[in-house]
Amino acid sequence: MIENNKLIKEVLNTIISISGRKTTQSHAVYILETTLKNLKARYTFLDTINVQDTTYLEDGEPISIMGEVNEIKAKEIGPAVKDLITTLNRSLGDDAGHFFLKELSHKLNDESVDALKNMGVDLDLMHLEQQITKMQKSIFK
């Protein structure tokens, strides 16, 4: 079973990678930082996550997570990760966001995708819900 900090780090690094290609690395980090700040009121453990722009650094990880996040139950982490992904997906806009969930699902390793599902974060289902919502909007225009 993958540890919470490793799972969250992989998800966030993958999000930065995907978002960074659609905008810039710096902007992707900024959006992630802002989203984390906004969600900290609801999910206090997000304080254990630090995000920094490493664009101009020779080395360094953009994401660092304190070990105590491993003590938190999956059922508490799942909703936070889902909110984070949903918020970031929305902030990318319709065009970039359309493939975001699919790409995230494909870039994460199978163990991480399974761990997310066990936390209640089903990326394929989220993508399907997004497509249905988009179809409903176009039908009712």
N, C-alpha and C. Protein backbone atom coordinates (compact mmCIF):
# COMPACT_ATOMS: atom_id res chain seq x y z
N MET A 1 0.85 -1.20 0.00
CA MET A 1 0.00 0.00 0.00
C MET A 1 0.88 1.24 0.00
N ILE A 2 0.57 2.18 -0.84
CA ILE A 2 1.36 3.40 -0.98
C ILE A 2 1.06 4.36 0.18
N GLU A 3 2.10 5.01 0.68
CA GLU A 3 1.92 5.96 1.80
C GLU A 3 1.24 7.22 1.30
N ASN A 4 0.48 7.86 2.19
CA ASN A 4 -0.26 9.08 1.83
C ASN A 4 0.64 10.15 1.25
N ASN A 5 1.79 10.39 1.91
CA ASN A 5 2.65 11.48 1.43
C ASN A 5 3.19 11.20 0.02
N LYS A 6 3.51 9.95 -0.27
CA LYS A 6 4.01 9.60 -1.61
C LYS A 6 2.91 9.73 -2.66
N LEU A 7 1.71 9.30 -2.29
CA LEU A 7 0.57 9.39 -3.21
C LEU A 7 0.26 10.85 -3.52
N ILE A 8 0.13 11.66 -2.48
CA ILE A 8 -0.21 13.08 -2.68
C ILE A 8 0.89 13.77 -3.49
N LYS A 9 2.14 13.46 -3.17
CA LYS A 9 3.26 14.07 -3.88
C LYS A 9 3.22 13.70 -5.37
N GLU A 10 2.96 12.43 -5.66
CA GLU A 10 2.88 12.00 -7.06
C GLU A 10 1.73 12.70 -7.78
N VAL A 11 0.57 12.78 -7.13
CA VAL A 11 -0.59 13.44 -7.73
C VAL A 11 -0.27 14.92 -8.01
N LEU A 12 0.30 15.61 -7.02
CA LEU A 12 0.57 17.04 -7.19
C LEU A 12 1.67 17.29 -8.23
N ASN A 13 2.71 16.48 -8.23
CA ASN A 13 3.76 16.63 -9.24
C ASN A 13 3.21 16.39 -10.64
N THR A 14 2.33 15.41 -10.77
CA THR A 14 1.71 15.11 -12.06
C THR A 14 0.81 16.26 -12.50
N ILE A 15 0.08 16.83 -11.55
CA ILE A 15 -0.78 17.97 -11.84
C ILE A 15 0.06 19.16 -12.33
N ILE A 16 1.18 19.41 -11.66
CA ILE A 16 2.06 20.51 -12.08
C ILE A 16 2.59 20.24 -13.48
N SER A 17 2.96 19.01 -13.75
CA SER A 17 3.48 18.64 -15.06
C SER A 17 2.44 18.87 -16.16
N ILE A 18 1.23 18.41 -15.91
CA ILE A 18 0.15 18.56 -16.90
C ILE A 18 -0.22 20.04 -17.07
N SER A 19 -0.45 20.72 -15.95
CA SER A 19 -0.84 22.14 -16.00
C SER A 19 0.26 23.00 -16.58
N GLY A 20 1.50 22.66 -16.25
CA GLY A 20 2.64 23.43 -16.73
C GLY A 20 2.78 23.41 -18.24
N ARG A 21 2.32 22.34 -18.87
CA ARG A 21 2.36 22.27 -20.33
C ARG A 21 1.25 23.12 -20.95
N LYS A 22 0.17 23.31 -20.22
CA LYS A 22 -0.96 24.06 -20.75
C LYS A 22 -0.80 25.56 -20.49
N THR A 23 -0.03 25.90 -19.46
CA THR A 23 0.28 27.31 -19.17
C THR A 23 1.81 27.40 -19.08
N THR A 24 2.31 27.73 -17.90
CA THR A 24 3.75 27.67 -17.64
C THR A 24 3.95 26.96 -16.31
N GLN A 25 5.16 26.49 -16.07
CA GLN A 25 5.47 25.81 -14.81
C GLN A 25 5.17 26.74 -13.63
N SER A 26 5.61 28.00 -13.73
CA SER A 26 5.39 28.96 -12.64
C SER A 26 3.92 29.19 -12.38
N HIS A 27 3.15 29.33 -13.45
CA HIS A 27 1.71 29.56 -13.30
C HIS A 27 1.02 28.33 -12.70
N ALA A 28 1.44 27.15 -13.13
CA ALA A 28 0.87 25.91 -12.59
C ALA A 28 1.13 25.81 -11.09
N VAL A 29 2.35 26.15 -10.66
CA VAL A 29 2.69 26.12 -9.23
C VAL A 29 1.87 27.16 -8.48
N TYR A 30 1.72 28.35 -9.06
CA TYR A 30 0.94 29.41 -8.42
C TYR A 30 -0.52 28.99 -8.23
N ILE A 31 -1.11 28.41 -9.26
CA ILE A 31 -2.51 27.95 -9.17
C ILE A 31 -2.64 26.87 -8.10
N LEU A 32 -1.69 25.95 -8.05
CA LEU A 32 -1.72 24.89 -7.05
C LEU A 32 -1.59 25.47 -5.65
N GLU A 33 -0.65 26.41 -5.46
CA GLU A 33 -0.47 27.06 -4.15
C GLU A 33 -1.75 27.76 -3.70
N THR A 34 -2.34 28.51 -4.61
CA THR A 34 -3.57 29.26 -4.30
C THR A 34 -4.70 28.30 -3.94
N THR A 35 -4.84 27.24 -4.70
CA THR A 35 -5.90 26.25 -4.44
C THR A 35 -5.70 25.60 -3.08
N LEU A 36 -4.46 25.22 -2.77
CA LEU A 36 -4.17 24.61 -1.46
C LEU A 36 -4.52 25.58 -0.33
N LYS A 37 -4.14 26.84 -0.50
CA LYS A 37 -4.45 27.86 0.53
C LYS A 37 -5.95 27.95 0.76
N ASN A 38 -6.71 27.98 -0.33
CA ASN A 38 -8.16 28.11 -0.24
C ASN A 38 -8.81 26.89 0.42
N LEU A 39 -8.22 25.72 0.24
CA LEU A 39 -8.81 24.49 0.80
C LEU A 39 -8.33 24.19 2.22
N LYS A 40 -7.30 24.89 2.71
CA LYS A 40 -6.75 24.62 4.05
C LYS A 40 -7.77 24.85 5.16
N ALA A 41 -8.69 25.76 4.96
CA ALA A 41 -9.71 26.01 5.98
C ALA A 41 -10.57 24.76 6.20
N ARG A 42 -10.84 24.05 5.12
CA ARG A 42 -11.67 22.83 5.20
C ARG A 42 -10.86 21.59 5.56
N TYR A 43 -9.63 21.54 5.10
CA TYR A 43 -8.78 20.36 5.30
C TYR A 43 -7.45 20.81 5.92
N THR A 44 -7.40 20.81 7.24
CA THR A 44 -6.24 21.37 7.95
C THR A 44 -4.93 20.65 7.64
N PHE A 45 -4.98 19.36 7.31
CA PHE A 45 -3.75 18.63 7.04
C PHE A 45 -3.02 19.15 5.80
N LEU A 46 -3.71 19.96 4.97
CA LEU A 46 -3.06 20.53 3.80
C LEU A 46 -1.93 21.48 4.19
N ASP A 47 -1.90 21.88 5.47
CA ASP A 47 -0.79 22.69 5.99
C ASP A 47 0.54 21.95 5.90
N THR A 48 0.48 20.62 5.85
CA THR A 48 1.71 19.82 5.80
C THR A 48 2.33 19.79 4.41
N ILE A 49 1.63 20.40 3.44
CA ILE A 49 2.11 20.40 2.05
C ILE A 49 2.70 21.76 1.71
N ASN A 50 3.91 21.75 1.20
CA ASN A 50 4.56 22.98 0.78
C ASN A 50 4.85 22.90 -0.72
N VAL A 51 4.48 23.96 -1.43
CA VAL A 51 4.69 24.01 -2.87
C VAL A 51 5.60 25.19 -3.17
N GLN A 52 6.63 24.96 -3.98
CA GLN A 52 7.49 26.08 -4.38
C GLN A 52 7.82 25.99 -5.86
N ASP A 53 7.99 27.14 -6.45
CA ASP A 53 8.35 27.22 -7.86
C ASP A 53 9.83 26.92 -8.00
N THR A 54 10.16 25.85 -8.70
CA THR A 54 11.56 25.46 -8.88
C THR A 54 12.08 25.80 -10.28
N THR A 55 11.34 26.65 -10.99
CA THR A 55 11.71 26.99 -12.36
C THR A 55 13.14 27.52 -12.44
N TYR A 56 13.52 28.38 -11.49
CA TYR A 56 14.84 29.01 -11.57
C TYR A 56 15.85 28.40 -10.59
N LEU A 57 15.51 27.28 -10.00
CA LEU A 57 16.43 26.59 -9.11
C LEU A 57 17.07 25.44 -9.87
N GLU A 58 18.33 25.18 -9.57
CA GLU A 58 19.01 24.09 -10.28
C GLU A 58 18.49 22.73 -9.85
N ASP A 59 18.19 22.61 -8.58
CA ASP A 59 17.59 21.37 -8.11
C ASP A 59 16.57 21.71 -7.03
N GLY A 60 15.84 20.76 -6.63
CA GLY A 60 14.79 21.01 -5.65
C GLY A 60 13.47 20.45 -6.13
N GLU A 61 12.73 19.99 -5.19
CA GLU A 61 11.42 19.42 -5.48
C GLU A 61 10.36 20.52 -5.35
N PRO A 62 9.41 20.58 -6.27
CA PRO A 62 8.36 21.58 -6.14
C PRO A 62 7.40 21.27 -4.97
N ILE A 63 7.29 19.98 -4.61
CA ILE A 63 6.35 19.57 -3.57
C ILE A 63 7.12 18.93 -2.41
N SER A 64 6.84 19.42 -1.21
CA SER A 64 7.36 18.72 -0.03
C SER A 64 6.19 18.53 0.93
N ILE A 65 6.15 17.36 1.55
CA ILE A 65 5.04 17.00 2.43
C ILE A 65 5.60 16.43 3.72
N MET A 66 5.09 16.92 4.83
CA MET A 66 5.52 16.43 6.14
C MET A 66 5.02 15.00 6.34
N GLY A 67 5.79 14.22 7.05
CA GLY A 67 5.47 12.81 7.26
C GLY A 67 4.19 12.55 8.03
N GLU A 68 3.75 13.51 8.85
CA GLU A 68 2.56 13.26 9.65
C GLU A 68 1.29 13.08 8.82
N VAL A 69 1.34 13.42 7.53
CA VAL A 69 0.18 13.20 6.66
C VAL A 69 -0.10 11.70 6.53
N ASN A 70 0.91 10.86 6.80
CA ASN A 70 0.71 9.41 6.73
C ASN A 70 -0.18 8.90 7.86
N GLU A 71 -0.34 9.68 8.91
CA GLU A 71 -1.17 9.28 10.05
C GLU A 71 -2.66 9.54 9.78
N ILE A 72 -2.96 10.30 8.76
CA ILE A 72 -4.34 10.69 8.47
C ILE A 72 -5.03 9.57 7.70
N LYS A 73 -6.27 9.32 8.06
CA LYS A 73 -7.05 8.26 7.42
C LYS A 73 -7.39 8.62 5.97
N ALA A 74 -7.43 7.58 5.14
CA ALA A 74 -7.71 7.76 3.72
C ALA A 74 -9.05 8.45 3.48
N LYS A 75 -10.05 8.16 4.34
CA LYS A 75 -11.37 8.76 4.14
C LYS A 75 -11.36 10.27 4.40
N GLU A 76 -10.32 10.77 5.09
CA GLU A 76 -10.18 12.22 5.28
C GLU A 76 -9.40 12.84 4.14
N ILE A 77 -8.45 12.10 3.60
CA ILE A 77 -7.61 12.62 2.52
C ILE A 77 -8.37 12.62 1.19
N GLY A 78 -9.15 11.59 0.95
CA GLY A 78 -9.88 11.46 -0.31
C GLY A 78 -10.68 12.69 -0.71
N PRO A 79 -11.57 13.18 0.16
CA PRO A 79 -12.35 14.36 -0.21
C PRO A 79 -11.48 15.59 -0.51
N ALA A 80 -10.38 15.75 0.21
CA ALA A 80 -9.48 16.89 -0.02
C ALA A 80 -8.82 16.77 -1.39
N VAL A 81 -8.34 15.58 -1.72
CA VAL A 81 -7.70 15.36 -3.02
C VAL A 81 -8.71 15.57 -4.14
N LYS A 82 -9.92 15.08 -3.93
CA LYS A 82 -10.97 15.24 -4.95
C LYS A 82 -11.30 16.72 -5.16
N ASP A 83 -11.46 17.47 -4.06
CA ASP A 83 -11.72 18.91 -4.16
C ASP A 83 -10.57 19.62 -4.87
N LEU A 84 -9.37 19.24 -4.53
CA LEU A 84 -8.18 19.85 -5.12
C LEU A 84 -8.16 19.62 -6.64
N ILE A 85 -8.37 18.38 -7.04
CA ILE A 85 -8.36 18.04 -8.47
C ILE A 85 -9.50 18.75 -9.20
N THR A 86 -10.69 18.75 -8.61
CA THR A 86 -11.86 19.40 -9.22
C THR A 86 -11.63 20.90 -9.38
N THR A 87 -11.10 21.54 -8.34
CA THR A 87 -10.85 22.98 -8.39
C THR A 87 -9.81 23.32 -9.44
N LEU A 88 -8.73 22.56 -9.48
CA LEU A 88 -7.68 22.81 -10.47
C LEU A 88 -8.19 22.56 -11.88
N ASN A 89 -8.99 21.54 -12.04
CA ASN A 89 -9.57 21.23 -13.35
C ASN A 89 -10.42 22.40 -13.84
N ARG A 90 -11.23 22.95 -12.94
CA ARG A 90 -12.08 24.09 -13.29
C ARG A 90 -11.23 25.31 -13.64
N SER A 91 -10.14 25.53 -12.90
CA SER A 91 -9.31 26.71 -13.13
C SER A 91 -8.56 26.64 -14.46
N LEU A 92 -8.41 25.45 -15.02
CA LEU A 92 -7.75 25.31 -16.31
C LEU A 92 -8.66 25.73 -17.46
N GLY A 93 -9.94 25.83 -17.20
CA GLY A 93 -10.88 26.22 -18.26
C GLY A 93 -11.35 25.00 -19.04
N ASP A 94 -12.35 25.21 -19.87
CA ASP A 94 -12.98 24.11 -20.60
C ASP A 94 -12.04 23.37 -21.55
N ASP A 95 -11.25 24.12 -22.30
CA ASP A 95 -10.41 23.48 -23.30
C ASP A 95 -9.30 22.64 -22.67
N ALA A 96 -8.51 23.26 -21.81
CA ALA A 96 -7.40 22.55 -21.17
C ALA A 96 -7.92 21.51 -20.18
N GLY A 97 -8.99 21.85 -19.49
CA GLY A 97 -9.54 20.97 -18.46
C GLY A 97 -10.20 19.72 -19.00
N HIS A 98 -10.59 19.75 -20.27
CA HIS A 98 -11.31 18.62 -20.85
C HIS A 98 -10.51 17.32 -20.75
N PHE A 99 -9.24 17.38 -21.03
CA PHE A 99 -8.42 16.18 -21.01
C PHE A 99 -7.63 16.01 -19.71
N PHE A 100 -7.74 16.97 -18.82
CA PHE A 100 -6.95 16.98 -17.59
C PHE A 100 -7.13 15.70 -16.77
N LEU A 101 -8.37 15.32 -16.49
CA LEU A 101 -8.64 14.14 -15.66
C LEU A 101 -8.16 12.86 -16.35
N LYS A 102 -8.40 12.77 -17.64
CA LYS A 102 -7.97 11.59 -18.41
C LYS A 102 -6.44 11.48 -18.39
N GLU A 103 -5.79 12.60 -18.61
CA GLU A 103 -4.32 12.62 -18.63
C GLU A 103 -3.75 12.30 -17.25
N LEU A 104 -4.38 12.84 -16.23
CA LEU A 104 -3.94 12.57 -14.85
C LEU A 104 -4.05 11.07 -14.56
N SER A 105 -5.15 10.48 -14.95
CA SER A 105 -5.37 9.05 -14.75
C SER A 105 -4.32 8.21 -15.48
N HIS A 106 -3.96 8.62 -16.68
CA HIS A 106 -2.99 7.86 -17.48
C HIS A 106 -1.55 8.03 -16.99
N LYS A 107 -1.23 9.21 -16.47
CA LYS A 107 0.15 9.48 -16.04
C LYS A 107 0.48 8.89 -14.67
N LEU A 108 -0.53 8.73 -13.81
CA LEU A 108 -0.29 8.15 -12.49
C LEU A 108 -0.08 6.65 -12.65
N ASN A 109 0.73 6.07 -11.78
CA ASN A 109 0.91 4.62 -11.88
C ASN A 109 -0.34 3.90 -11.35
N ASP A 110 -0.49 2.65 -11.71
CA ASP A 110 -1.70 1.88 -11.36
C ASP A 110 -1.94 1.82 -9.86
N GLU A 111 -0.87 1.68 -9.09
CA GLU A 111 -1.00 1.61 -7.63
C GLU A 111 -1.60 2.90 -7.08
N SER A 112 -1.19 4.03 -7.64
CA SER A 112 -1.71 5.33 -7.19
C SER A 112 -3.18 5.50 -7.58
N VAL A 113 -3.51 5.10 -8.81
CA VAL A 113 -4.91 5.19 -9.26
C VAL A 113 -5.80 4.33 -8.36
N ASP A 114 -5.34 3.13 -8.04
CA ASP A 114 -6.10 2.24 -7.14
C ASP A 114 -6.22 2.84 -5.74
N ALA A 115 -5.13 3.40 -5.23
CA ALA A 115 -5.15 4.02 -3.90
C ALA A 115 -6.14 5.18 -3.88
N LEU A 116 -6.16 5.98 -4.95
CA LEU A 116 -7.11 7.09 -5.04
C LEU A 116 -8.55 6.57 -5.04
N LYS A 117 -8.79 5.50 -5.81
CA LYS A 117 -10.14 4.91 -5.84
C LYS A 117 -10.56 4.46 -4.44
N ASN A 118 -9.62 3.86 -3.71
CA ASN A 118 -9.92 3.42 -2.35
C ASN A 118 -10.22 4.59 -1.42
N MET A 119 -9.74 5.78 -1.78
CA MET A 119 -10.02 7.00 -1.01
C MET A 119 -11.30 7.68 -1.48
N GLY A 120 -11.91 7.12 -2.52
CA GLY A 120 -13.14 7.72 -3.05
C GLY A 120 -12.89 8.71 -4.18
N VAL A 121 -11.70 8.66 -4.77
CA VAL A 121 -11.36 9.55 -5.88
C VAL A 121 -11.19 8.71 -7.14
N ASP A 122 -12.26 8.58 -7.91
CA ASP A 122 -12.25 7.79 -9.14
C ASP A 122 -12.11 8.76 -10.32
N LEU A 123 -10.91 8.86 -10.85
CA LEU A 123 -10.63 9.83 -11.91
C LEU A 123 -11.45 9.57 -13.16
N ASP A 124 -11.66 8.30 -13.50
CA ASP A 124 -12.47 7.98 -14.69
C ASP A 124 -13.91 8.40 -14.49
N LEU A 125 -14.44 8.17 -13.31
CA LEU A 125 -15.81 8.58 -13.00
C LEU A 125 -15.93 10.11 -13.01
N MET A 126 -14.93 10.78 -12.46
CA MET A 126 -14.93 12.25 -12.46
C MET A 126 -14.91 12.78 -13.89
N HIS A 127 -14.14 12.13 -14.76
CA HIS A 127 -14.07 12.55 -16.17
C HIS A 127 -15.43 12.33 -16.85
N LEU A 128 -16.05 11.20 -16.58
CA LEU A 128 -17.36 10.91 -17.14
C LEU A 128 -18.40 11.94 -16.67
N GLU A 129 -18.38 12.26 -15.37
CA GLU A 129 -19.31 13.27 -14.83
C GLU A 129 -19.09 14.62 -15.51
N GLN A 130 -17.82 14.95 -15.74
CA GLN A 130 -17.49 16.21 -16.41
C GLN A 130 -18.06 16.24 -17.83
N GLN A 131 -17.93 15.12 -18.54
CA GLN A 131 -18.45 15.04 -19.91
C GLN A 131 -19.98 15.16 -19.93
N ILE A 132 -20.64 14.52 -18.97
CA ILE A 132 -22.10 14.59 -18.90
C ILE A 132 -22.55 16.01 -18.62
N THR A 133 -21.88 16.67 -17.69
CA THR A 133 -22.21 18.06 -17.35
C THR A 133 -22.04 18.95 -18.57
N LYS A 134 -20.96 18.73 -19.30
CA LYS A 134 -20.69 19.53 -20.51
C LYS A 134 -21.78 19.29 -21.56
N MET A 135 -22.20 18.04 -21.72
CA MET A 135 -23.26 17.70 -22.68
C MET A 135 -24.56 18.36 -22.27
N GLN A 136 -24.88 18.33 -20.98
CA GLN A 136 -26.11 18.94 -20.50
C GLN A 136 -26.12 20.43 -20.78
N LYS A 137 -24.97 21.08 -20.57
CA LYS A 137 -24.88 22.51 -20.82
C LYS A 137 -25.12 22.81 -22.29
N SER A 138 -24.56 21.99 -23.19
CA SER A 138 -24.74 22.25 -24.62
C SER A 138 -26.16 21.96 -25.08
N ILE A 139 -26.82 21.01 -24.43
CA ILE A 139 -28.20 20.68 -24.78
C ILE A 139 -29.15 21.81 -24.39
N PHE A 140 -28.88 22.39 -23.20
CA PHE A 140 -29.81 23.39 -22.67
C PHE A 140 -29.47 24.82 -23.10
N LYS A 141 -28.53 24.97 -24.02
CA LYS A 141 -28.20 26.32 -24.51
C LYS A 141 -29.22 26.81 -25.48
